PDB file of N, CA and C in Angstrom:
ATOM      1  N   GLY A   1      66.012 133.122 162.356  1.00  0.00           N
ATOM      2  CA  GLY A   1      66.194 132.387 161.103  1.00  0.00           C
ATOM      3  C   GLY A   1      67.645 132.239 160.702  1.00  0.00           C
ATOM      4  N   GLY A   2      68.040 131.087 160.257  1.00  0.00           N
ATOM      5  CA  GLY A   2      69.448 130.845 159.908  1.00  0.00           C
ATOM      6  C   GLY A   2      69.928 131.736 158.798  1.00  0.00           C
ATOM      7  N   GLY A   3      71.028 132.464 159.022  1.00  0.00           N
ATOM      8  CA  GLY A   3      71.553 133.367 158.006  1.00  0.00           C
ATOM      9  C   GLY A   3      72.266 132.604 156.907  1.00  0.00           C
ATOM     10  N   ARG A   4      71.653 132.591 155.695  1.00  0.00           N
ATOM     11  CA  ARG A   4      72.280 131.840 154.594  1.00  0.00           C
ATOM     12  C   ARG A   4      73.400 132.660 153.977  1.00  0.00           C
ATOM     13  N   VAL A   5      74.573 132.013 153.824  1.00  0.00           N
ATOM     14  CA  VAL A   5      75.699 132.701 153.198  1.00  0.00           C
ATOM     15  C   VAL A   5      75.494 132.707 151.693  1.00  0.00           C
ATOM     16  N   GLN A   6      75.534 133.856 151.066  1.00  0.00           N
ATOM     17  CA  GLN A   6      75.310 133.923 149.625  1.00  0.00           C
ATOM     18  C   GLN A   6      76.625 133.767 148.886  1.00  0.00           C
ATOM     19  N   GLN A   7      76.635 132.786 147.983  1.00  0.00           N
ATOM     20  CA  GLN A   7      77.814 132.606 147.146  1.00  0.00           C
ATOM     21  C   GLN A   7      77.872 133.772 146.167  1.00  0.00           C
ATOM     22  N   PRO A   8      79.026 134.400 146.048  1.00  0.00           N
ATOM     23  CA  PRO A   8      79.146 135.476 145.064  1.00  0.00           C
ATOM     24  C   PRO A   8      79.034 134.910 143.654  1.00  0.00           C
ATOM     25  N   GLN A   9      78.183 135.484 142.871  1.00  0.00           N
ATOM     26  CA  GLN A   9      77.981 134.973 141.517  1.00  0.00           C
ATOM     27  C   GLN A   9      79.080 135.468 140.594  1.00  0.00           C
ATOM     28  N   GLN A  10      79.660 134.500 139.829  1.00  0.00           N
ATOM     29  CA  GLN A  10      80.754 134.891 138.950  1.00  0.00           C
ATOM     30  C   GLN A  10      80.185 135.316 137.612  1.00  0.00           C
ATOM     31  N   HIS A  11      80.177 136.633 137.408  1.00  0.00           N
ATOM     32  CA  HIS A  11      79.840 137.049 136.062  1.00  0.00           C
ATOM     33  C   HIS A  11      80.711 138.229 135.652  1.00  0.00           C
ATOM     34  N   HIS A  12      81.964 137.898 135.301  1.00  0.00           N
ATOM     35  CA  HIS A  12      82.767 138.951 134.705  1.00  0.00           C
ATOM     36  C   HIS A  12      82.537 138.891 133.203  1.00  0.00           C
ATOM     37  N   GLY A  13      82.604 140.032 132.566  1.00  0.00           N
ATOM     38  CA  GLY A  13      82.268 140.101 131.140  1.00  0.00           C
ATOM     39  C   GLY A  13      83.104 139.160 130.290  1.00  0.00           C
ATOM     40  N   GLY A  14      82.470 138.422 129.408  1.00  0.00           N
ATOM     41  CA  GLY A  14      83.070 137.537 128.410  1.00  0.00           C
ATOM     42  C   GLY A  14      84.373 136.890 128.813  1.00  0.00           C
ATOM     43  N   GLY A  15      85.427 137.186 128.066  1.00  0.00           N
ATOM     44  CA  GLY A  15      86.760 136.729 128.432  1.00  0.00           C
ATOM     45  C   GLY A  15      86.915 135.219 128.361  1.00  0.00           C
ATOM     46  N   ALA A  16      87.960 134.702 129.008  1.00  0.00           N
ATOM     47  CA  ALA A  16      88.255 133.284 128.957  1.00  0.00           C
ATOM     48  C   ALA A  16      87.412 132.545 129.978  1.00  0.00           C
ATOM     49  N   SER A  17      86.238 132.154 129.574  1.00  0.00           N
ATOM     50  CA  SER A  17      85.398 131.387 130.478  1.00  0.00           C
ATOM     51  C   SER A  17      85.773 129.924 130.338  1.00  0.00           C
ATOM     52  N   SER A  18      86.357 129.357 131.393  1.00  0.00           N
ATOM     53  CA  SER A  18      86.829 127.975 131.283  1.00  0.00           C
ATOM     54  C   SER A  18      85.757 127.032 131.794  1.00  0.00           C
ATOM     55  N   SER A  19      84.688 126.908 131.044  1.00  0.00           N
ATOM     56  CA  SER A  19      83.646 125.961 131.426  1.00  0.00           C
ATOM     57  C   SER A  19      83.825 124.694 130.599  1.00  0.00           C
ATOM     58  N   PRO A  20      84.135 123.586 131.262  1.00  0.00           N
ATOM     59  CA  PRO A  20      84.506 122.355 130.554  1.00  0.00           C
ATOM     60  C   PRO A  20      83.376 121.734 129.755  1.00  0.00           C
ATOM     61  N   GLN A  21      82.106 122.124 130.047  1.00  0.00           N
ATOM     62  CA  GLN A  21      81.010 121.465 129.344  1.00  0.00           C
ATOM     63  C   GLN A  21      80.951 121.851 127.875  1.00  0.00           C
ATOM     64  N   HIS A  22      81.465 123.031 127.550  1.00  0.00           N
ATOM     65  CA  HIS A  22      81.231 123.557 126.209  1.00  0.00           C
ATOM     66  C   HIS A  22      81.875 122.716 125.099  1.00  0.00           C
ATOM     67  N   HIS A  23      83.202 122.629 125.133  1.00  0.00           N
ATOM     68  CA  HIS A  23      83.851 121.902 124.047  1.00  0.00           C
ATOM     69  C   HIS A  23      84.658 120.736 124.601  1.00  0.00           C
ATOM     70  N   HIS A  24      84.081 119.526 124.448  1.00  0.00           N
ATOM     71  CA  HIS A  24      84.825 118.340 124.861  1.00  0.00           C
ATOM     72  C   HIS A  24      85.633 117.877 123.671  1.00  0.00           C
ATOM     73  N   ARG A  25      86.914 118.251 123.665  1.00  0.00           N
ATOM     74  CA  ARG A  25      87.710 117.982 122.471  1.00  0.00           C
ATOM     75  C   ARG A  25      88.319 116.604 122.537  1.00  0.00           C
ATOM     76  N   GLY A  26      88.053 115.842 123.596  1.00  0.00           N
ATOM     77  CA  GLY A  26      88.628 114.506 123.682  1.00  0.00           C
ATOM     78  C   GLY A  26      87.924 113.508 122.788  1.00  0.00           C
ATOM     79  N   SER A  27      86.664 113.807 122.388  1.00  0.00           N
ATOM     80  CA  SER A  27      85.907 112.808 121.654  1.00  0.00           C
ATOM     81  C   SER A  27      86.207 112.876 120.160  1.00  0.00           C
ATOM     82  N   PRO A  28      86.577 111.741 119.588  1.00  0.00           N
ATOM     83  CA  PRO A  28      86.834 111.711 118.137  1.00  0.00           C
ATOM     84  C   PRO A  28      85.533 111.782 117.373  1.00  0.00           C
ATOM     85  N   VAL A  29      85.571 112.401 116.229  1.00  0.00           N
ATOM     86  CA  VAL A  29      84.354 112.515 115.432  1.00  0.00           C
ATOM     87  C   VAL A  29      84.217 111.247 114.618  1.00  0.00           C
ATOM     88  N   HIS A  30      83.489 110.268 115.160  1.00  0.00           N
ATOM     89  CA  HIS A  30      83.408 109.000 114.456  1.00  0.00           C
ATOM     90  C   HIS A  30      82.090 108.768 113.754  1.00  0.00           C
ATOM     91  N   ASP A  31      81.349 109.844 113.510  1.00  0.00           N
ATOM     92  CA  ASP A  31      80.219 109.646 112.613  1.00  0.00           C
ATOM     93  C   ASP A  31      80.408 110.504 111.369  1.00  0.00           C
ATOM     94  N   ALA A  32      81.329 110.057 110.532  1.00  0.00           N
ATOM     95  CA  ALA A  32      81.593 110.763 109.292  1.00  0.00           C
ATOM     96  C   ALA A  32      80.429 110.523 108.340  1.00  0.00           C
ATOM     97  N   PRO A  33      80.094 111.531 107.532  1.00  0.00           N
ATOM     98  CA  PRO A  33      78.986 111.375 106.585  1.00  0.00           C
ATOM     99  C   PRO A  33      79.263 110.260 105.594  1.00  0.00           C
ATOM    100  N   GLY A  34      78.245 109.508 105.245  1.00  0.00           N
ATOM    101  CA  GLY A  34      78.384 108.464 104.245  1.00  0.00           C
ATOM    102  C   GLY A  34      78.977 107.196 104.763  1.00  0.00           C
ATOM    103  N   GLY A  35      78.854 106.934 106.041  1.00  0.00           N
ATOM    104  CA  GLY A  35      79.371 105.746 106.743  1.00  0.00           C
ATOM    105  C   GLY A  35      79.838 104.583 105.890  1.00  0.00           C
ATOM    106  N   GLY A  36      79.808 103.400 106.454  1.00  0.00           N
ATOM    107  CA  GLY A  36      80.208 102.221 105.712  1.00  0.00           C
ATOM    108  C   GLY A  36      81.717 102.166 105.550  1.00  0.00           C
ATOM    109  N   PRO A  37      82.212 101.052 104.988  1.00  0.00           N
ATOM    110  CA  PRO A  37      83.662 100.909 104.792  1.00  0.00           C
ATOM    111  C   PRO A  37      84.156 101.913 103.758  1.00  0.00           C
ATOM    112  N   SER A  38      85.269 102.515 104.030  1.00  0.00           N
ATOM    113  CA  SER A  38      85.784 103.503 103.088  1.00  0.00           C
ATOM    114  C   SER A  38      86.354 102.791 101.868  1.00  0.00           C
ATOM    115  N   SER A  39      85.776 103.056 100.723  1.00  0.00           N
ATOM    116  CA  SER A  39      86.253 102.403  99.509  1.00  0.00           C
ATOM    117  C   SER A  39      87.397 103.214  98.925  1.00  0.00           C
ATOM    118  N   PRO A  40      88.527 102.555  98.697  1.00  0.00           N
ATOM    119  CA  PRO A  40      89.668 103.280  98.130  1.00  0.00           C
ATOM    120  C   PRO A  40      89.362 103.774  96.731  1.00  0.00           C
ATOM    121  N   GLU A  41      89.724 104.998  96.465  1.00  0.00           N
ATOM    122  CA  GLU A  41      89.451 105.565  95.148  1.00  0.00           C
ATOM    123  C   GLU A  41      90.305 104.865  94.092  1.00  0.00           C
ATOM    124  N   ALA A  42      89.719 104.604  92.952  1.00  0.00           N
ATOM    125  CA  ALA A  42      90.496 104.019  91.868  1.00  0.00           C
ATOM    126  C   ALA A  42      91.408 105.102  91.296  1.00  0.00           C
ATOM    127  N   GLN A  43      92.689 104.762  91.171  1.00  0.00           N
ATOM    128  CA  GLN A  43      93.610 105.776  90.657  1.00  0.00           C
ATOM    129  C   GLN A  43      93.362 105.977  89.175  1.00  0.00           C
ATOM    130  N   ASP A  44      93.240 107.224  88.833  1.00  0.00           N
ATOM    131  CA  ASP A  44      92.806 107.661  87.506  1.00  0.00           C
ATOM    132  C   ASP A  44      92.507 106.551  86.509  1.00  0.00           C
ATOM    133  N   GLY A  45      91.357 105.937  86.689  1.00  0.00           N
ATOM    134  CA  GLY A  45      90.855 104.996  85.699  1.00  0.00           C
ATOM    135  C   GLY A  45      91.660 103.735  85.550  1.00  0.00           C
ATOM    136  N   GLY A  46      91.635 102.857  86.554  1.00  0.00           N
ATOM    137  CA  GLY A  46      92.251 101.550  86.398  1.00  0.00           C
ATOM    138  C   GLY A  46      93.752 101.571  86.588  1.00  0.00           C
ATOM    139  N   VAL A  47      94.240 100.595  87.331  1.00  0.00           N
ATOM    140  CA  VAL A  47      95.672 100.515  87.577  1.00  0.00           C
ATOM    141  C   VAL A  47      96.254  99.450  86.670  1.00  0.00           C
ATOM    142  N   GLY A  48      97.418  99.707  86.102  1.00  0.00           N
ATOM    143  CA  GLY A  48      98.050  98.739  85.221  1.00  0.00           C
ATOM    144  C   GLY A  48      98.423  97.486  85.997  1.00  0.00           C
ATOM    145  N   ASP A  49      98.094  96.319  85.457  1.00  0.00           N
ATOM    146  CA  ASP A  49      98.440  95.051  86.099  1.00  0.00           C
ATOM    147  C   ASP A  49      97.784  94.867  87.461  1.00  0.00           C
ATOM    148  N   GLY A  50      96.845  95.755  87.817  1.00  0.00           N
ATOM    149  CA  GLY A  50      96.207  95.634  89.105  1.00  0.00           C
ATOM    150  C   GLY A  50      97.160  95.851  90.262  1.00  0.00           C
ATOM    151  N   GLN A  51      98.276  96.473  89.998  1.00  0.00           N
ATOM    152  CA  GLN A  51      99.255  96.731  91.043  1.00  0.00           C
ATOM    153  C   GLN A  51      99.628  98.196  91.040  1.00  0.00           C
ATOM    154  N   ASP A  52      99.987  98.709  92.199  1.00  0.00           N
ATOM    155  CA  ASP A  52     100.428 100.090  92.234  1.00  0.00           C
ATOM    156  C   ASP A  52     101.945 100.136  92.102  1.00  0.00           C
ATOM    157  N   LEU A  53     102.451 101.330  91.882  1.00  0.00           N
ATOM    158  CA  LEU A  53     103.859 101.517  91.616  1.00  0.00           C
ATOM    159  C   LEU A  53     104.721 100.994  92.757  1.00  0.00           C
ATOM    160  N   ALA A  54     104.271 101.237  93.984  1.00  0.00           N
ATOM    161  CA  ALA A  54     105.075 100.829  95.141  1.00  0.00           C
ATOM    162  C   ALA A  54     105.297  99.323  95.171  1.00  0.00           C
ATOM    163  N   SER A  55     104.228  98.553  94.932  1.00  0.00           N
ATOM    164  CA  SER A  55     104.383  97.109  94.997  1.00  0.00           C
ATOM    165  C   SER A  55     105.175  96.588  93.796  1.00  0.00           C
ATOM    166  N   LEU A  56     105.053  97.283  92.654  1.00  0.00           N
ATOM    167  CA  LEU A  56     105.861  96.903  91.507  1.00  0.00           C
ATOM    168  C   LEU A  56     107.336  97.083  91.832  1.00  0.00           C
ATOM    169  N   LYS A  57     107.656  98.228  92.437  1.00  0.00           N
ATOM    170  CA  LYS A  57     109.048  98.504  92.765  1.00  0.00           C
ATOM    171  C   LYS A  57     109.581  97.512  93.786  1.00  0.00           C
ATOM    172  N   ALA A  58     108.720  97.162  94.746  1.00  0.00           N
ATOM    173  CA  ALA A  58     109.139  96.200  95.760  1.00  0.00           C
ATOM    174  C   ALA A  58     109.443  94.847  95.112  1.00  0.00           C
ATOM    175  N   GLU A  59     108.550  94.433  94.206  1.00  0.00           N
ATOM    176  CA  GLU A  59     108.768  93.147  93.547  1.00  0.00           C
ATOM    177  C   GLU A  59     110.006  93.191  92.668  1.00  0.00           C
ATOM    178  N   LYS A  60     110.204  94.332  92.010  1.00  0.00           N
ATOM    179  CA  LYS A  60     111.380  94.490  91.166  1.00  0.00           C
ATOM    180  C   LYS A  60     112.649  94.344  91.992  1.00  0.00           C
ATOM    181  N   ALA A  61     112.658  94.949  93.182  1.00  0.00           N
ATOM    182  CA  ALA A  61     113.832  94.866  94.044  1.00  0.00           C
ATOM    183  C   ALA A  61     114.108  93.423  94.451  1.00  0.00           C
ATOM    184  N   THR A  62     113.026  92.702  94.792  1.00  0.00           N
ATOM    185  CA  THR A  62     113.190  91.303  95.190  1.00  0.00           C
ATOM    186  C   THR A  62     113.748  90.473  94.045  1.00  0.00           C
ATOM    187  N   LEU A  63     113.165  90.646  92.866  1.00  0.00           N
ATOM    188  CA  LEU A  63     113.630  89.902  91.704  1.00  0.00           C
ATOM    189  C   LEU A  63     115.080  90.253  91.393  1.00  0.00           C
ATOM    190  N   HIS A  64     115.392  91.540  91.516  1.00  0.00           N
ATOM    191  CA  HIS A  64     116.739  91.998  91.228  1.00  0.00           C
ATOM    192  C   HIS A  64     117.746  91.264  92.104  1.00  0.00           C
ATOM    193  N   GLN A  65     117.415  91.158  93.400  1.00  0.00           N
ATOM    194  CA  GLN A  65     118.306  90.455  94.316  1.00  0.00           C
ATOM    195  C   GLN A  65     118.453  88.990  93.925  1.00  0.00           C
ATOM    196  N   THR A  66     117.305  88.363  93.613  1.00  0.00           N
ATOM    197  CA  THR A  66     117.320  86.954  93.225  1.00  0.00           C
ATOM    198  C   THR A  66     118.208  86.736  92.017  1.00  0.00           C
ATOM    199  N   LEU A  67     118.015  87.561  91.010  1.00  0.00           N
ATOM    200  CA  LEU A  67     118.764  87.391  89.766  1.00  0.00           C
ATOM    201  C   LEU A  67     120.249  87.693  89.970  1.00  0.00           C
ATOM    202  N   ARG A  68     120.523  88.735  90.755  1.00  0.00           N
ATOM    203  CA  ARG A  68     121.920  89.065  91.020  1.00  0.00           C
ATOM    204  C   ARG A  68     122.626  87.908  91.715  1.00  0.00           C
ATOM    205  N   SER A  69     121.982  87.338  92.708  1.00  0.00           N
ATOM    206  CA  SER A  69     122.638  86.251  93.431  1.00  0.00           C
ATOM    207  C   SER A  69     122.791  85.023  92.530  1.00  0.00           C
ATOM    208  N   TYR A  70     121.822  84.821  91.632  1.00  0.00           N
ATOM    209  CA  TYR A  70     121.952  83.716  90.684  1.00  0.00           C
ATOM    210  C   TYR A  70     123.155  83.940  89.779  1.00  0.00           C
ATOM    211  N   GLU A  71     123.278  85.164  89.280  1.00  0.00           N
ATOM    212  CA  GLU A  71     124.393  85.469  88.386  1.00  0.00           C
ATOM    213  C   GLU A  71     125.734  85.310  89.100  1.00  0.00           C
ATOM    214  N   LYS A  72     125.779  85.788  90.356  1.00  0.00           N
ATOM    215  CA  LYS A  72     127.019  85.641  91.118  1.00  0.00           C
ATOM    216  C   LYS A  72     127.366  84.167  91.298  1.00  0.00           C
ATOM    217  N   ASP A  73     126.354  83.379  91.641  1.00  0.00           N
ATOM    218  CA  ASP A  73     126.541  81.962  91.857  1.00  0.00           C
ATOM    219  C   ASP A  73     127.019  81.288  90.571  1.00  0.00           C
ATOM    220  N   PHE A  74     126.380  81.693  89.464  1.00  0.00           N
ATOM    221  CA  PHE A  74     126.735  81.131  88.162  1.00  0.00           C
ATOM    222  C   PHE A  74     128.192  81.436  87.847  1.00  0.00           C
ATOM    223  N   HIS A  75     128.578  82.685  88.092  1.00  0.00           N
ATOM    224  CA  HIS A  75     129.936  83.103  87.800  1.00  0.00           C
ATOM    225  C   HIS A  75     130.932  82.317  88.645  1.00  0.00           C
ATOM    226  N   ARG A  76     130.574  82.092  89.905  1.00  0.00           N
ATOM    227  CA  ARG A  76     131.470  81.358  90.783  1.00  0.00           C
ATOM    228  C   ARG A  76     131.620  79.918  90.295  1.00  0.00           C
ATOM    229  N   ARG A  77     130.536  79.367  89.770  1.00  0.00           N
ATOM    230  CA  ARG A  77     130.562  77.968  89.383  1.00  0.00           C
ATOM    231  C   ARG A  77     131.218  77.745  88.024  1.00  0.00           C
ATOM    232  N   HIS A  78     130.953  78.667  87.091  1.00  0.00           N
ATOM    233  CA  HIS A  78     131.399  78.447  85.714  1.00  0.00           C
ATOM    234  C   HIS A  78     132.572  79.343  85.320  1.00  0.00           C
ATOM    235  N   GLY A  79     132.884  80.311  86.162  1.00  0.00           N
ATOM    236  CA  GLY A  79     134.001  81.191  85.864  1.00  0.00           C
ATOM    237  C   GLY A  79     133.731  82.157  84.715  1.00  0.00           C
ATOM    238  N   ARG A  80     132.468  82.398  84.420  1.00  0.00           N
ATOM    239  CA  ARG A  80     132.126  83.351  83.359  1.00  0.00           C
ATOM    240  C   ARG A  80     130.751  83.933  83.644  1.00  0.00           C
ATOM    241  N   GLN A  81     130.454  85.050  82.960  1.00  0.00           N
ATOM    242  CA  GLN A  81     129.143  85.674  83.132  1.00  0.00           C
ATOM    243  C   GLN A  81     128.077  84.861  82.394  1.00  0.00           C
ATOM    244  N   VAL A  82     126.827  85.052  82.801  1.00  0.00           N
ATOM    245  CA  VAL A  82     125.747  84.436  82.036  1.00  0.00           C
ATOM    246  C   VAL A  82     125.690  85.129  80.680  1.00  0.00           C
ATOM    247  N   SER A  83     125.548  84.353  79.629  1.00  0.00           N
ATOM    248  CA  SER A  83     125.572  84.977  78.307  1.00  0.00           C
ATOM    249  C   SER A  83     124.417  84.520  77.432  1.00  0.00           C
ATOM    250  N   SER A  84     124.014  83.265  77.563  1.00  0.00           N
ATOM    251  CA  SER A  84     122.956  82.775  76.690  1.00  0.00           C
ATOM    252  C   SER A  84     121.704  82.465  77.495  1.00  0.00           C
ATOM    253  N   PHE A  85     120.627  82.221  76.785  1.00  0.00           N
ATOM    254  CA  PHE A  85     119.384  81.909  77.467  1.00  0.00           C
ATOM    255  C   PHE A  85     119.525  80.635  78.284  1.00  0.00           C
ATOM    256  N   ALA A  86     120.292  79.702  77.778  1.00  0.00           N
ATOM    257  CA  ALA A  86     120.495  78.448  78.499  1.00  0.00           C
ATOM    258  C   ALA A  86     121.090  78.712  79.881  1.00  0.00           C
ATOM    259  N   ASP A  87     121.924  79.753  79.967  1.00  0.00           N
ATOM    260  CA  ASP A  87     122.561  80.075  81.248  1.00  0.00           C
ATOM    261  C   ASP A  87     121.534  80.483  82.306  1.00  0.00           C
ATOM    262  N   ILE A  88     120.507  81.178  81.855  1.00  0.00           N
ATOM    263  CA  ILE A  88     119.538  81.691  82.824  1.00  0.00           C
ATOM    264  C   ILE A  88     118.252  80.880  82.853  1.00  0.00           C
ATOM    265  N   ARG A  89     118.270  79.718  82.195  1.00  0.00           N
ATOM    266  CA  ARG A  89     117.032  78.941  82.122  1.00  0.00           C
ATOM    267  C   ARG A  89     116.403  78.697  83.496  1.00  0.00           C
ATOM    268  N   PRO A  90     117.190  78.365  84.542  1.00  0.00           N
ATOM    269  CA  PRO A  90     116.562  78.124  85.852  1.00  0.00           C
ATOM    270  C   PRO A  90     115.789  79.320  86.385  1.00  0.00           C
ATOM    271  N   VAL A  91     116.183  80.525  85.969  1.00  0.00           N
ATOM    272  CA  VAL A  91     115.487  81.698  86.477  1.00  0.00           C
ATOM    273  C   VAL A  91     114.845  82.501  85.349  1.00  0.00           C
ATOM    274  N   ALA A  92     114.594  81.815  84.248  1.00  0.00           N
ATOM    275  CA  ALA A  92     114.045  82.503  83.068  1.00  0.00           C
ATOM    276  C   ALA A  92     112.733  83.195  83.402  1.00  0.00           C
ATOM    277  N   GLY A  93     111.909  82.532  84.202  1.00  0.00           N
ATOM    278  CA  GLY A  93     110.626  83.123  84.578  1.00  0.00           C
ATOM    279  C   GLY A  93     110.815  84.437  85.316  1.00  0.00           C
ATOM    280  N   GLN A  94     111.784  84.441  86.252  1.00  0.00           N
ATOM    281  CA  GLN A  94     112.042  85.670  87.003  1.00  0.00           C
ATOM    282  C   GLN A  94     112.571  86.763  86.086  1.00  0.00           C
ATOM    283  N   TYR A  95     113.430  86.384  85.156  1.00  0.00           N
ATOM    284  CA  TYR A  95     113.961  87.373  84.216  1.00  0.00           C
ATOM    285  C   TYR A  95     112.830  88.030  83.427  1.00  0.00           C
ATOM    286  N   ARG A  96     111.920  87.181  82.944  1.00  0.00           N
ATOM    287  CA  ARG A  96     110.826  87.705  82.140  1.00  0.00           C
ATOM    288  C   ARG A  96     109.987  88.664  82.980  1.00  0.00           C
ATOM    289  N   ARG A  97     109.681  88.223  84.206  1.00  0.00           N
ATOM    290  CA  ARG A  97     108.873  89.048  85.101  1.00  0.00           C
ATOM    291  C   ARG A  97     109.585  90.370  85.404  1.00  0.00           C
ATOM    292  N   TYR A  98     110.898  90.267  85.607  1.00  0.00           N
ATOM    293  CA  TYR A  98     111.682  91.459  85.920  1.00  0.00           C
ATOM    294  C   TYR A  98     111.592  92.479  84.793  1.00  0.00           C
ATOM    295  N   LYS A  99     111.707  91.988  83.558  1.00  0.00           N
ATOM    296  CA  LYS A  99     111.611  92.890  82.406  1.00  0.00           C
ATOM    297  C   LYS A  99     110.226  93.515  82.323  1.00  0.00           C
ATOM    298  N   GLU A 100     109.197  92.693  82.552  1.00  0.00           N
ATOM    299  CA  GLU A 100     107.827  93.207  82.509  1.00  0.00           C
ATOM    300  C   GLU A 100     107.636  94.312  83.536  1.00  0.00           C
ATOM    301  N   ILE A 101     108.128  94.052  84.744  1.00  0.00           N
ATOM    302  CA  ILE A 101     107.964  95.028  85.821  1.00  0.00           C
ATOM    303  C   ILE A 101     108.679  96.324  85.479  1.00  0.00           C
ATOM    304  N   LYS A 102     109.901  96.198  84.963  1.00  0.00           N
ATOM    305  CA  LYS A 102     110.638  97.407  84.579  1.00  0.00           C
ATOM    306  C   LYS A 102     109.863  98.216  83.556  1.00  0.00           C
ATOM    307  N   ARG A 103     109.295  97.512  82.589  1.00  0.00           N
ATOM    308  CA  ARG A 103     108.533  98.209  81.562  1.00  0.00           C
ATOM    309  C   ARG A 103     107.310  98.877  82.183  1.00  0.00           C
ATOM    310  N   ALA A 104     106.642  98.150  83.075  1.00  0.00           N
ATOM    311  CA  ALA A 104     105.442  98.699  83.709  1.00  0.00           C
ATOM    312  C   ALA A 104     105.781  99.930  84.530  1.00  0.00           C
ATOM    313  N   ILE A 105     106.896  99.865  85.246  1.00  0.00           N
ATOM    314  CA  ILE A 105     107.283 100.996  86.091  1.00  0.00           C
ATOM    315  C   ILE A 105     107.609 102.218  85.242  1.00  0.00           C
ATOM    316  N   SER A 106     108.408 102.021  84.210  1.00  0.00           N
ATOM    317  CA  SER A 106     108.786 103.179  83.402  1.00  0.00           C
ATOM    318  C   SER A 106     107.562 103.730  82.671  1.00  0.00           C
ATOM    319  N   ALA A 107     106.626 102.855  82.322  1.00  0.00           N
ATOM    320  CA  ALA A 107     105.397 103.337  81.690  1.00  0.00           C
ATOM    321  C   ALA A 107     104.588 104.154  82.675  1.00  0.00           C
ATOM    322  N   ALA A 108     104.534 103.667  83.916  1.00  0.00           N
ATOM    323  CA  ALA A 108     103.755 104.364  84.938  1.00  0.00           C
ATOM    324  C   ALA A 108     104.382 105.701  85.298  1.00  0.00           C
ATOM    325  N   GLN A 109     105.712 105.749  85.266  1.00  0.00           N
ATOM    326  CA  GLN A 109     106.405 106.976  85.622  1.00  0.00           C
ATOM    327  C   GLN A 109     106.543 107.907  84.439  1.00  0.00           C
ATOM    328  N   GLY A 110     106.289 107.360  83.241  1.00  0.00           N
ATOM    329  CA  GLY A 110     106.361 108.196  82.056  1.00  0.00           C
ATOM    330  C   GLY A 110     107.788 108.543  81.676  1.00  0.00           C
ATOM    331  N   ASP A 111     108.722 107.662  81.993  1.00  0.00           N
ATOM    332  CA  ASP A 111     110.100 107.891  81.552  1.00  0.00           C
ATOM    333  C   ASP A 111     110.706 106.575  81.109  1.00  0.00           C
ATOM    334  N   ASP A 112     111.745 106.670  80.293  1.00  0.00           N
ATOM    335  CA  ASP A 112     112.349 105.448  79.788  1.00  0.00           C
ATOM    336  C   ASP A 112     113.768 105.306  80.292  1.00  0.00           C
ATOM    337  N   GLU A 113     113.891 105.183  81.600  1.00  0.00           N
ATOM    338  CA  GLU A 113     115.211 105.008  82.183  1.00  0.00           C
ATOM    339  C   GLU A 113     115.635 103.561  82.016  1.00  0.00           C
ATOM    340  N   ASP A 114     116.887 103.351  81.721  1.00  0.00           N
ATOM    341  CA  ASP A 114     117.367 101.983  81.548  1.00  0.00           C
ATOM    342  C   ASP A 114     118.358 101.676  82.668  1.00  0.00           C
ATOM    343  N   GLY A 115     118.207 100.449  83.259  1.00  0.00           N
ATOM    344  CA  GLY A 115     119.154 100.107  84.292  1.00  0.00           C
ATOM    345  C   GLY A 115     118.508  99.742  85.611  1.00  0.00           C
TER     346      GLY A 115
END
């Protein structure tokens, strides 16, 4: 009868058993409880103007640049600073918006910084 070679059975006590079947850590856990699209939480009861602080600040920066360049241009053309409403009439809308945004930001931050 053919002599079968017996494979030695590996059973050393506990220790670091590196059996790959146990924990496949490559798979992402993509069945989070409560599926569906993740709805963003409303920030403490309604956001002012429907905008968050970051986008307000971004818009403020853009307006600031626009207004600054207008003022520079005005100064170059007229040789004086803007002083009356008539001077800023072309950008009056931006000025108004800029003031609103500043107020909204300082209200949101809870401080009254000017400038």
